């Protein structure tokens, strides 16, 4: 069972964030929210969630990529 599609339009993305579509567009323009997926007018819910986590302080903005962390911790150097 899913919570709907992962990619959502501007109105759905705004509703997902609990803000108006106009405010969502302003947040995208000011880089508060991510850009739509390249070549589409759809936003990835996971990208929105990640950005909201950063804005609310749940995750540091400069969190290390999990793959890069694994490579650093498991390198033979």
N, C-alpha and C. Protein backbone atom coordinates (compact mmCIF):
# COMPACT_ATOMS: atom_id res chain seq x y z
N UNK A 1 0.83 -1.18 0.00
CA UNK A 1 0.00 0.00 0.00
C UNK A 1 0.89 1.25 0.00
N UNK A 2 0.52 2.25 -0.80
CA UNK A 2 1.34 3.46 -0.90
C UNK A 2 0.53 4.68 -0.50
N UNK A 3 1.23 5.76 -0.29
CA UNK A 3 0.59 7.03 0.05
C UNK A 3 0.44 7.89 -1.20
N UNK A 4 0.12 7.31 -2.31
CA UNK A 4 0.00 8.06 -3.55
C UNK A 4 1.32 8.08 -4.29
N UNK A 5 1.35 8.80 -5.41
CA UNK A 5 2.57 8.84 -6.22
C UNK A 5 3.69 9.59 -5.52
N UNK A 6 4.91 9.19 -5.82
CA UNK A 6 6.08 9.87 -5.24
C UNK A 6 6.30 11.23 -5.88
N UNK A 7 6.04 11.35 -7.18
CA UNK A 7 6.18 12.63 -7.87
C UNK A 7 4.83 13.33 -7.87
N UNK A 8 4.83 14.59 -7.46
CA UNK A 8 3.58 15.35 -7.34
C UNK A 8 3.72 16.72 -7.99
N UNK A 9 2.60 17.26 -8.44
CA UNK A 9 2.58 18.58 -9.05
C UNK A 9 2.69 19.69 -8.02
N UNK A 10 2.74 20.93 -8.51
CA UNK A 10 2.94 22.09 -7.64
C UNK A 10 1.83 22.22 -6.60
N UNK A 11 0.58 22.08 -7.01
CA UNK A 11 -0.52 22.21 -6.06
C UNK A 11 -0.48 21.12 -4.99
N UNK A 12 -0.18 19.90 -5.42
CA UNK A 12 -0.08 18.79 -4.46
C UNK A 12 1.13 18.97 -3.54
N UNK A 13 2.24 19.47 -4.09
CA UNK A 13 3.44 19.71 -3.28
C UNK A 13 3.17 20.78 -2.24
N UNK A 14 2.47 21.83 -2.64
CA UNK A 14 2.11 22.89 -1.70
C UNK A 14 1.22 22.34 -0.59
N UNK A 15 0.21 21.57 -0.97
CA UNK A 15 -0.69 20.98 0.02
C UNK A 15 0.08 20.03 0.94
N UNK A 16 1.02 19.28 0.39
CA UNK A 16 1.85 18.36 1.16
C UNK A 16 2.62 19.12 2.25
N UNK A 17 3.07 20.35 1.90
CA UNK A 17 3.81 21.19 2.85
C UNK A 17 2.89 22.01 3.74
N UNK A 18 1.60 22.04 3.40
CA UNK A 18 0.66 22.83 4.19
C UNK A 18 0.72 24.32 3.91
N UNK A 19 1.11 24.67 2.68
CA UNK A 19 1.21 26.07 2.29
C UNK A 19 0.45 26.28 0.97
N UNK A 20 0.28 27.53 0.56
CA UNK A 20 -0.42 27.81 -0.70
C UNK A 20 0.51 27.53 -1.88
N UNK A 21 -0.07 27.26 -3.06
CA UNK A 21 0.77 27.07 -4.25
C UNK A 21 1.65 28.29 -4.55
N UNK A 22 1.15 29.48 -4.29
CA UNK A 22 1.95 30.69 -4.52
C UNK A 22 3.17 30.71 -3.59
N UNK A 23 2.95 30.39 -2.33
CA UNK A 23 4.07 30.34 -1.38
C UNK A 23 5.05 29.25 -1.76
N UNK A 24 4.54 28.09 -2.19
CA UNK A 24 5.44 27.01 -2.61
C UNK A 24 6.31 27.48 -3.77
N UNK A 25 5.72 28.15 -4.75
CA UNK A 25 6.50 28.66 -5.89
C UNK A 25 7.56 29.65 -5.43
N UNK A 26 7.22 30.49 -4.47
CA UNK A 26 8.19 31.45 -3.94
C UNK A 26 9.33 30.70 -3.23
N UNK A 27 8.98 29.68 -2.48
CA UNK A 27 10.00 28.90 -1.78
C UNK A 27 10.93 28.20 -2.77
N UNK A 28 10.39 27.71 -3.89
CA UNK A 28 11.22 27.08 -4.91
C UNK A 28 12.15 28.14 -5.52
N UNK A 29 11.60 29.30 -5.83
CA UNK A 29 12.39 30.38 -6.44
C UNK A 29 13.51 30.87 -5.54
N UNK A 30 13.29 30.81 -4.22
CA UNK A 30 14.31 31.27 -3.26
C UNK A 30 15.13 30.12 -2.69
N UNK A 31 15.00 28.94 -3.30
CA UNK A 31 15.78 27.75 -2.94
C UNK A 31 15.47 27.21 -1.54
N UNK A 32 14.32 27.56 -1.01
CA UNK A 32 13.89 26.99 0.26
C UNK A 32 13.36 25.57 0.02
N UNK A 33 12.81 25.35 -1.16
CA UNK A 33 12.33 24.04 -1.60
C UNK A 33 13.12 23.63 -2.83
N UNK A 34 13.22 22.31 -3.09
CA UNK A 34 13.98 21.86 -4.26
C UNK A 34 13.27 22.22 -5.57
N UNK A 35 14.03 22.19 -6.63
CA UNK A 35 13.48 22.36 -7.97
C UNK A 35 12.71 21.11 -8.36
N UNK A 36 11.84 21.19 -9.36
CA UNK A 36 11.16 19.97 -9.82
C UNK A 36 12.18 19.01 -10.45
N UNK A 37 11.80 17.76 -10.57
CA UNK A 37 12.65 16.77 -11.22
C UNK A 37 12.95 17.25 -12.64
N UNK A 38 14.19 17.14 -13.05
CA UNK A 38 14.62 17.63 -14.35
C UNK A 38 13.72 17.13 -15.47
N UNK A 39 13.30 18.07 -16.33
CA UNK A 39 12.47 17.74 -17.47
C UNK A 39 10.99 17.54 -17.14
N UNK A 40 10.60 17.85 -15.89
CA UNK A 40 9.20 17.68 -15.49
C UNK A 40 8.71 18.91 -14.75
N UNK A 41 7.46 18.89 -14.41
CA UNK A 41 6.87 19.89 -13.51
C UNK A 41 6.36 19.15 -12.28
N UNK A 42 7.14 18.18 -11.84
CA UNK A 42 6.79 17.33 -10.70
C UNK A 42 7.90 17.38 -9.67
N UNK A 43 7.50 17.35 -8.40
CA UNK A 43 8.44 17.36 -7.30
C UNK A 43 8.46 15.99 -6.65
N UNK A 44 9.63 15.60 -6.19
CA UNK A 44 9.82 14.33 -5.50
C UNK A 44 9.51 14.55 -4.01
N UNK A 45 8.57 13.78 -3.47
CA UNK A 45 8.21 13.93 -2.05
C UNK A 45 9.42 13.72 -1.15
N UNK A 46 10.31 12.80 -1.52
CA UNK A 46 11.49 12.55 -0.68
C UNK A 46 12.42 13.76 -0.67
N UNK A 47 12.54 14.45 -1.80
CA UNK A 47 13.37 15.66 -1.85
C UNK A 47 12.74 16.75 -0.99
N UNK A 48 11.43 16.86 -1.03
CA UNK A 48 10.73 17.84 -0.18
C UNK A 48 10.94 17.49 1.27
N UNK A 49 10.78 16.21 1.62
CA UNK A 49 10.98 15.78 3.01
C UNK A 49 12.40 16.09 3.49
N UNK A 50 13.39 15.80 2.64
CA UNK A 50 14.78 16.05 3.01
C UNK A 50 15.02 17.54 3.26
N UNK A 51 14.45 18.38 2.41
CA UNK A 51 14.63 19.83 2.57
C UNK A 51 13.93 20.32 3.83
N UNK A 52 12.72 19.81 4.10
CA UNK A 52 12.02 20.19 5.32
C UNK A 52 12.79 19.74 6.56
N UNK A 53 13.42 18.56 6.50
CA UNK A 53 14.25 18.09 7.61
C UNK A 53 15.39 19.06 7.88
N UNK A 54 16.03 19.55 6.81
CA UNK A 54 17.11 20.52 6.97
C UNK A 54 16.60 21.82 7.57
N UNK A 55 15.48 22.32 7.03
CA UNK A 55 14.93 23.60 7.50
C UNK A 55 14.49 23.54 8.96
N UNK A 56 13.99 22.39 9.39
CA UNK A 56 13.51 22.27 10.76
C UNK A 56 14.59 21.85 11.75
N UNK A 57 15.80 21.60 11.25
CA UNK A 57 16.90 21.24 12.13
C UNK A 57 16.98 19.76 12.45
N UNK A 58 16.20 18.94 11.77
CA UNK A 58 16.24 17.50 12.03
C UNK A 58 17.45 16.83 11.40
N UNK A 59 18.03 17.47 10.37
CA UNK A 59 19.18 16.92 9.68
C UNK A 59 20.09 18.07 9.29
N UNK A 60 21.37 17.98 9.58
CA UNK A 60 22.26 19.06 9.17
C UNK A 60 22.30 19.21 7.66
N UNK A 61 22.41 20.44 7.18
CA UNK A 61 22.42 20.72 5.75
C UNK A 61 23.62 20.09 5.06
N UNK A 62 24.71 19.89 5.78
CA UNK A 62 25.92 19.34 5.18
C UNK A 62 26.12 17.88 5.55
N UNK A 63 25.04 17.14 5.74
CA UNK A 63 25.13 15.73 6.09
C UNK A 63 25.91 14.98 5.01
N UNK A 64 26.80 14.11 5.44
CA UNK A 64 27.62 13.36 4.51
C UNK A 64 26.79 12.32 3.78
N UNK A 65 27.05 12.18 2.49
CA UNK A 65 26.39 11.18 1.68
C UNK A 65 26.69 9.79 2.26
N UNK A 66 25.67 8.93 2.44
CA UNK A 66 25.90 7.60 3.03
C UNK A 66 26.92 6.76 2.27
N UNK A 67 26.92 6.85 0.93
CA UNK A 67 27.89 6.09 0.15
C UNK A 67 29.30 6.61 0.39
N UNK A 68 29.46 7.94 0.39
CA UNK A 68 30.78 8.51 0.63
C UNK A 68 31.28 8.16 2.03
N UNK A 69 30.39 8.16 3.01
CA UNK A 69 30.77 7.76 4.37
C UNK A 69 31.24 6.32 4.39
N UNK A 70 30.51 5.45 3.73
CA UNK A 70 30.89 4.05 3.68
C UNK A 70 32.25 3.89 3.01
N UNK A 71 32.45 4.61 1.90
CA UNK A 71 33.74 4.53 1.20
C UNK A 71 34.88 5.01 2.10
N UNK A 72 34.68 6.10 2.81
CA UNK A 72 35.71 6.63 3.70
C UNK A 72 36.02 5.64 4.81
N UNK A 73 34.99 5.05 5.39
CA UNK A 73 35.18 4.14 6.52
C UNK A 73 35.72 2.78 6.10
N UNK A 74 35.54 2.42 4.84
CA UNK A 74 35.94 1.09 4.39
C UNK A 74 37.07 1.09 3.37
N UNK A 75 37.73 2.23 3.22
CA UNK A 75 38.84 2.29 2.26
C UNK A 75 40.08 1.63 2.88
N UNK A 76 40.93 1.15 2.04
CA UNK A 76 42.16 0.48 2.50
C UNK A 76 43.32 1.46 2.63
N UNK A 77 43.01 2.78 2.52
CA UNK A 77 44.06 3.80 2.53
C UNK A 77 44.42 4.18 3.85
